[in-house]
C-alpha cells in the first residue's frame, strides 16, 4: 500500500500546504497498511476521525489563503471541500466500530479524491497565486 503515500509530484510549492497534504496522504496510507495487518477490532493506525480533523484543519488553511488572494474560484473550491468533508464525516459516524479496519474500497475512494483534488483544483489556486512564476518554476500546469 505504499503507493497510497506521499509522492514528490504532489508538492505544490507552498510548504504549509504541502506538509498538510503529506499528513493527509500518510493518514490514508496508514489506514490501508493497518487494515491489512490488524486483527479484528484492533484500532486503525490513523482513524477516520483523525482524517476528518486533518481535513478540517487543511481546508481551513486553504480557504483562508484563497480569501486573502481573492481567488475567483473560491466558492466552487469550498464546495468541493464541504462535500468531501461531509463524506468522510458521514463514514466516520456510520461506521463506528470498524472491526477489521476501514474497508479497502473506502480507502481507495478517499485516496482517489485527494489525489484528484490536489492534482487539479489545488494546482489551479497555486497557479493563480503565483501566476507566471509558478509555470517558470516548473509547476504542473497540465490541469489548465
Protein backbone atom coordinates (compact mmCIF):
# COMPACT_ATOMS: atom_id res chain seq x y z
CA UNK A 1 0.00 0.00 0.00
CA UNK A 2 3.00 2.33 -0.22
CA UNK A 3 1.50 3.60 -3.48
CA UNK A 4 -1.02 5.45 -1.32
CA UNK A 5 1.58 7.59 0.43
CA UNK A 6 3.04 10.95 -0.44
CA UNK A 7 4.89 11.45 -3.72
CA UNK A 8 7.00 14.48 -4.53
CA UNK A 9 4.87 15.09 -7.63
CA UNK A 10 2.04 16.14 -5.29
CA UNK A 11 4.06 19.11 -3.97
CA UNK A 12 2.55 22.49 -4.77
CA UNK A 13 5.44 24.63 -3.53
CA UNK A 14 3.61 26.10 -0.52
CA UNK A 15 5.35 24.47 2.47
CA UNK A 16 2.43 24.63 4.94
CA UNK A 17 0.02 23.20 2.36
CA UNK A 18 2.47 20.53 1.24
CA UNK A 19 3.02 19.46 4.86
CA UNK A 20 -0.70 19.11 5.45
CA UNK A 21 -1.19 17.25 2.18
CA UNK A 22 1.60 14.86 3.20
CA UNK A 23 -0.09 14.24 6.55
CA UNK A 24 -3.41 13.51 4.83
CA UNK A 25 -1.78 11.11 2.36
CA UNK A 26 0.11 9.42 5.22
CA UNK A 27 -3.08 9.06 7.25
CA UNK A 28 -4.89 7.40 4.35
CA UNK A 29 -1.91 5.12 3.70
CA UNK A 30 -1.75 4.30 7.41
CA UNK A 31 -5.39 3.23 7.42
CA UNK A 32 -4.65 0.91 4.50
CA UNK A 33 -1.48 -0.58 5.99
CA UNK A 34 -3.03 -1.13 9.41
CA UNK A 35 -6.18 -2.57 7.86
CA UNK A 36 -4.12 -5.22 6.09
CA UNK A 37 -2.24 -6.36 9.17
CA UNK A 38 -4.56 -5.86 12.13
CA UNK A 39 -6.69 -8.40 13.89
CA UNK A 40 -10.42 -7.83 14.12
CA UNK A 41 -11.27 -5.00 16.47
CA UNK A 42 -7.75 -3.55 16.67
CA UNK A 43 -7.63 0.22 16.26
CA UNK A 44 -6.55 1.62 12.90
CA UNK A 45 -3.19 3.43 12.67
CA UNK A 46 -4.97 6.58 11.58
CA UNK A 47 -8.67 6.71 12.24
CA UNK A 48 -11.38 8.23 10.11
CA UNK A 49 -11.86 10.77 12.92
CA UNK A 50 -8.19 11.75 12.67
CA UNK A 51 -8.51 12.07 8.89
CA UNK A 52 -11.59 14.24 9.33
CA UNK A 53 -9.69 16.51 11.74
CA UNK A 54 -6.72 16.79 9.37
CA UNK A 55 -9.08 17.71 6.55
CA UNK A 56 -10.85 20.38 8.61
CA UNK A 57 -7.52 22.00 9.52
CA UNK A 58 -6.26 21.78 5.97
CA UNK A 59 -9.40 23.08 4.31
CA UNK A 60 -9.46 26.00 6.74
CA UNK A 61 -5.90 26.96 5.78
CA UNK A 62 -6.55 26.71 2.04
CA UNK A 63 -9.79 28.67 2.24
CA UNK A 64 -8.13 31.40 4.30
CA UNK A 65 -5.37 31.72 1.69
CA UNK A 66 -7.88 31.79 -1.16
CA UNK A 67 -9.86 34.57 0.55
CA UNK A 68 -6.64 36.54 1.13
CA UNK A 69 -5.77 36.35 -2.56
CA UNK A 70 -9.37 36.98 -3.73
CA UNK A 71 -9.30 33.68 -5.58
CA UNK A 72 -12.15 33.83 -8.13
CA UNK A 73 -12.98 30.10 -7.83
CA UNK A 74 -13.27 30.20 -4.04
CA UNK A 75 -16.93 29.22 -3.83
CA UNK A 76 -16.53 26.20 -6.12
CA UNK A 77 -13.39 25.08 -4.30
CA UNK A 78 -15.05 25.43 -0.89
CA UNK A 79 -17.98 23.35 -2.16
CA UNK A 80 -15.56 20.56 -3.13
CA UNK A 81 -14.13 20.70 0.39
CA UNK A 82 -17.57 20.63 2.02
CA UNK A 83 -18.75 17.64 0.01
CA UNK A 84 -15.65 15.58 0.77
CA UNK A 85 -15.64 16.57 4.45
CA UNK A 86 -19.29 15.52 4.67
CA UNK A 87 -18.46 12.18 3.03
CA UNK A 88 -15.61 11.46 5.47
CA UNK A 89 -17.68 12.64 8.47
CA UNK A 90 -20.64 10.51 7.38
CA UNK A 91 -18.47 7.43 7.00
CA UNK A 92 -16.99 8.00 10.47
CA UNK A 93 -20.44 8.37 12.02
CA UNK A 94 -21.99 5.36 10.31
CA UNK A 95 -19.02 3.00 10.83
CA UNK A 96 -18.12 3.49 14.50
CA UNK A 97 -16.73 0.01 15.21
CA UNK A 98 -14.71 -0.53 12.05
CA UNK A 99 -13.96 -4.12 13.05
CA UNK A 100 -11.05 -5.14 10.87
CA UNK A 101 -10.29 -1.57 9.81
CA UNK A 102 -11.53 0.77 7.12
CA UNK A 103 -12.71 -1.08 4.00
CA UNK A 104 -10.23 -1.08 1.13
CA UNK A 105 -12.79 0.45 -1.25
CA UNK A 106 -13.33 3.37 1.14
CA UNK A 107 -9.60 3.98 1.50
CA UNK A 108 -9.19 3.92 -2.27
CA UNK A 109 -12.09 6.37 -2.69
CA UNK A 110 -10.55 8.74 -0.11
CA UNK A 111 -7.17 8.48 -1.84
CA UNK A 112 -8.60 8.99 -5.34
CA UNK A 113 -10.48 12.11 -4.27
CA UNK A 114 -7.44 13.57 -2.54
CA UNK A 115 -5.09 12.85 -5.48
CA UNK A 116 -7.52 14.36 -7.97
CA UNK A 117 -8.19 17.41 -5.81
CA UNK A 118 -4.51 18.16 -5.16
CA UNK A 119 -3.55 17.45 -8.76
CA UNK A 120 -6.19 19.64 -10.35
CA UNK A 121 -8.18 22.02 -8.12
CA UNK A 122 -5.34 22.86 -5.76
CA UNK A 123 -2.88 23.38 -8.63
CA UNK A 124 -5.29 25.92 -10.09
CA UNK A 125 -5.22 28.13 -6.99
CA UNK A 126 -1.43 27.86 -6.81
CA UNK A 127 -1.19 28.95 -10.45
CA UNK A 128 -3.47 31.88 -9.62
CA UNK A 129 -1.43 32.84 -6.53
CA UNK A 130 1.94 32.63 -8.25
CA UNK A 131 0.94 33.38 -11.83
CA UNK A 132 3.74 33.14 -14.39
CA UNK A 133 6.33 32.49 -11.64
CA UNK A 134 4.73 29.09 -10.97
CA UNK A 135 4.96 28.00 -14.59
CA UNK A 136 8.57 29.21 -14.91
CA UNK A 137 9.48 27.28 -11.75
CA UNK A 138 8.26 24.05 -13.30
CA UNK A 139 4.82 23.88 -11.73
CA UNK A 140 2.50 21.32 -13.23
CA UNK A 141 0.09 23.29 -15.39
CA UNK A 142 -1.35 20.23 -17.15
CA UNK A 143 -4.68 20.79 -15.39
CA UNK A 144 -5.35 24.07 -17.18
